[in-house]
Amino acid sequence: MINITCSTREGTSKGAVRRLRRDGIIPIVVYSKGRPAEMGSVSRVEIEAAMRSIQAGFLPITVFSLKDASG
């Protein structure tokens, strides 16, 4: 399991998402059964480091755990 630190985001417009990407932040959407979708963001540097640590061929079965400030 790979732990990734995320944060919530407010902006949903195309411009807000482009600003995030320009600043090296990846916008994400987390879907859960029976709950509304939650919008957040993760650091590009952290995602790249996580992807480098995964062995070739193991990405489809890798579990990512998202942690935010509240746990």
Protein backbone atom coordinates (compact mmCIF):
# COMPACT_ATOMS: atom_id res chain seq x y z
CA MET A 1 0.00 0.00 0.00
CA ILE A 2 1.28 3.44 -0.92
CA ASN A 3 0.29 6.42 1.24
CA ILE A 4 -0.38 9.71 -0.57
CA THR A 5 -1.08 13.03 1.15
CA CYS A 6 -4.01 14.92 -0.33
CA SER A 7 -5.87 18.14 0.40
CA THR A 8 -9.37 19.31 -0.41
CA ARG A 9 -9.88 21.89 -3.13
CA GLU A 10 -12.54 24.51 -3.63
CA GLY A 11 -12.21 25.56 -7.27
CA THR A 12 -14.13 23.45 -9.75
CA SER A 13 -13.80 25.63 -12.84
CA LYS A 14 -11.51 24.81 -15.74
CA GLY A 15 -9.34 27.84 -14.92
CA ALA A 16 -8.89 26.79 -11.29
CA VAL A 17 -7.85 23.29 -12.34
CA ARG A 18 -5.38 24.69 -14.89
CA ARG A 19 -3.81 26.88 -12.19
CA LEU A 20 -3.36 23.83 -9.97
CA ARG A 21 -1.67 21.88 -12.75
CA ARG A 22 0.59 24.83 -13.58
CA ASP A 23 1.69 24.91 -9.92
CA GLY A 24 2.59 21.19 -9.95
CA ILE A 25 -0.57 19.96 -8.25
CA ILE A 26 -2.79 17.20 -9.66
CA PRO A 27 -6.56 17.59 -9.20
CA ILE A 28 -8.37 14.41 -8.10
CA VAL A 29 -11.96 13.28 -7.55
CA VAL A 30 -12.71 10.51 -5.04
CA TYR A 31 -15.92 8.55 -5.55
CA SER A 32 -17.49 6.49 -2.74
CA LYS A 33 -20.61 4.38 -2.88
CA GLY A 34 -23.57 6.21 -1.35
CA ARG A 35 -21.65 9.47 -0.78
CA PRO A 36 -21.14 12.56 -2.90
CA ALA A 37 -17.89 12.87 -4.83
CA GLU A 38 -15.07 14.66 -3.00
CA MET A 39 -12.67 16.94 -4.86
CA GLY A 40 -9.08 17.17 -3.79
CA SER A 41 -5.53 17.57 -4.99
CA VAL A 42 -2.17 15.81 -4.61
CA SER A 43 1.39 16.90 -5.22
CA ARG A 44 2.83 15.93 -8.60
CA VAL A 45 6.21 15.26 -6.98
CA GLU A 46 4.66 12.82 -4.49
CA ILE A 47 2.75 10.96 -7.22
CA GLU A 48 5.88 10.69 -9.38
CA ALA A 49 7.87 9.28 -6.45
CA ALA A 50 5.12 6.74 -5.75
CA MET A 51 4.99 5.68 -9.40
CA ARG A 52 8.77 5.16 -9.48
CA SER A 53 8.55 2.87 -6.44
CA ILE A 54 6.06 0.50 -8.16
CA GLN A 55 7.61 -2.49 -9.91
CA ALA A 56 6.91 -2.89 -13.62
CA GLY A 57 3.56 -4.58 -14.21
CA PHE A 58 2.22 -4.04 -10.68
CA LEU A 59 0.36 -0.72 -11.17
CA PRO A 60 -3.08 -2.34 -11.77
CA ILE A 61 -2.95 -4.14 -8.41
CA THR A 62 -1.36 -1.36 -6.35
CA VAL A 63 -3.47 0.09 -3.53
CA PHE A 64 -3.18 3.82 -2.83
CA SER A 65 -4.21 5.20 0.55
CA LEU A 66 -5.16 8.90 0.58
CA LYS A 67 -4.51 10.81 3.80
CA ASP A 68 -5.55 14.41 4.44
CA ALA A 69 -5.05 16.81 7.35
CA SER A 70 -7.93 15.24 9.30
CA GLY A 71 -6.61 11.70 8.81
